[in-house]
């Protein structure tokens, strides 16, 4: 899997997309905390999960519900 992996270094407050052109992706948190949120009507934001180190997140493309979160 590491041959197909891309390391993404983020900064505090940086936004990343959980889908990539409709394809599947796996996010593995190596350090820090990743907050998963959704935007609601009227631009309200709701936190649906916190991902800590050694946590994997497998979002589905075009999903309307929060992505499943797996703890290793």
Protein backbone atom coordinates (compact mmCIF):
# COMPACT_ATOMS: atom_id res chain seq x y z
CA UNK A 1 0.00 0.00 0.00
CA UNK A 2 2.88 2.40 0.61
CA UNK A 3 3.72 2.40 -3.10
CA UNK A 4 0.34 4.01 -3.82
CA UNK A 5 0.26 6.26 -0.75
CA UNK A 6 0.73 10.00 -0.66
CA UNK A 7 1.76 11.78 2.51
CA UNK A 8 -0.23 14.94 3.20
CA UNK A 9 1.15 17.26 5.84
CA UNK A 10 -1.46 19.62 7.18
CA UNK A 11 -1.41 22.75 9.29
CA UNK A 12 -3.74 23.70 12.12
CA UNK A 13 -7.09 24.74 10.66
CA UNK A 14 -6.32 23.43 7.17
CA UNK A 15 -9.24 21.85 5.29
CA UNK A 16 -8.86 18.65 3.27
CA UNK A 17 -11.49 16.89 1.18
CA UNK A 18 -12.57 13.38 2.12
CA UNK A 19 -13.21 12.45 -1.52
CA UNK A 20 -10.85 12.61 -4.47
CA UNK A 21 -12.63 12.89 -7.84
CA UNK A 22 -15.21 10.28 -6.84
CA UNK A 23 -12.59 7.66 -6.06
CA UNK A 24 -11.99 5.96 -2.74
CA UNK A 25 -9.28 7.06 -0.33
CA UNK A 26 -7.88 5.93 3.00
CA UNK A 27 -6.75 8.45 5.59
CA UNK A 28 -4.36 7.29 8.31
CA UNK A 29 -3.56 9.76 11.08
CA UNK A 30 0.10 9.48 12.10
CA UNK A 31 0.26 12.39 14.54
CA UNK A 32 -1.97 15.15 15.83
CA UNK A 33 -5.77 15.11 15.64
CA UNK A 34 -7.99 15.34 12.55
CA UNK A 35 -11.46 16.81 13.07
CA UNK A 36 -14.18 15.52 10.74
CA UNK A 37 -17.07 17.93 10.24
CA UNK A 38 -20.00 18.48 7.90
CA UNK A 39 -21.50 21.71 6.66
CA UNK A 40 -25.21 22.05 7.41
CA UNK A 41 -27.75 24.43 5.89
CA UNK A 42 -27.16 28.13 6.66
CA UNK A 43 -23.38 27.45 6.71
CA UNK A 44 -23.55 25.84 10.15
CA UNK A 45 -20.81 23.30 10.90
CA UNK A 46 -21.15 20.14 13.01
CA UNK A 47 -18.24 18.02 14.25
CA UNK A 48 -18.97 14.35 13.54
CA UNK A 49 -15.69 12.84 14.69
CA UNK A 50 -12.15 13.27 15.95
CA UNK A 51 -9.41 11.08 14.53
CA UNK A 52 -6.40 10.47 16.76
CA UNK A 53 -3.00 8.93 15.90
CA UNK A 54 -3.21 5.32 14.60
CA UNK A 55 -6.79 5.93 13.39
CA UNK A 56 -7.96 5.11 9.86
CA UNK A 57 -10.86 6.78 8.08
CA UNK A 58 -12.35 5.26 4.94
CA UNK A 59 -14.82 7.72 3.41
CA UNK A 60 -17.10 6.68 0.56
CA UNK A 61 -17.52 8.90 -2.45
CA UNK A 62 -20.76 10.87 -2.61
CA UNK A 63 -21.80 9.65 0.85
CA UNK A 64 -24.40 11.71 2.70
CA UNK A 65 -23.69 10.22 6.12
CA UNK A 66 -20.48 10.57 8.16
CA UNK A 67 -17.67 8.24 7.08
CA UNK A 68 -16.96 5.08 9.07
CA UNK A 69 -14.06 5.43 11.48
CA UNK A 70 -11.83 2.50 12.37
CA UNK A 71 -9.50 2.36 15.37
CA UNK A 72 -6.45 0.14 15.11
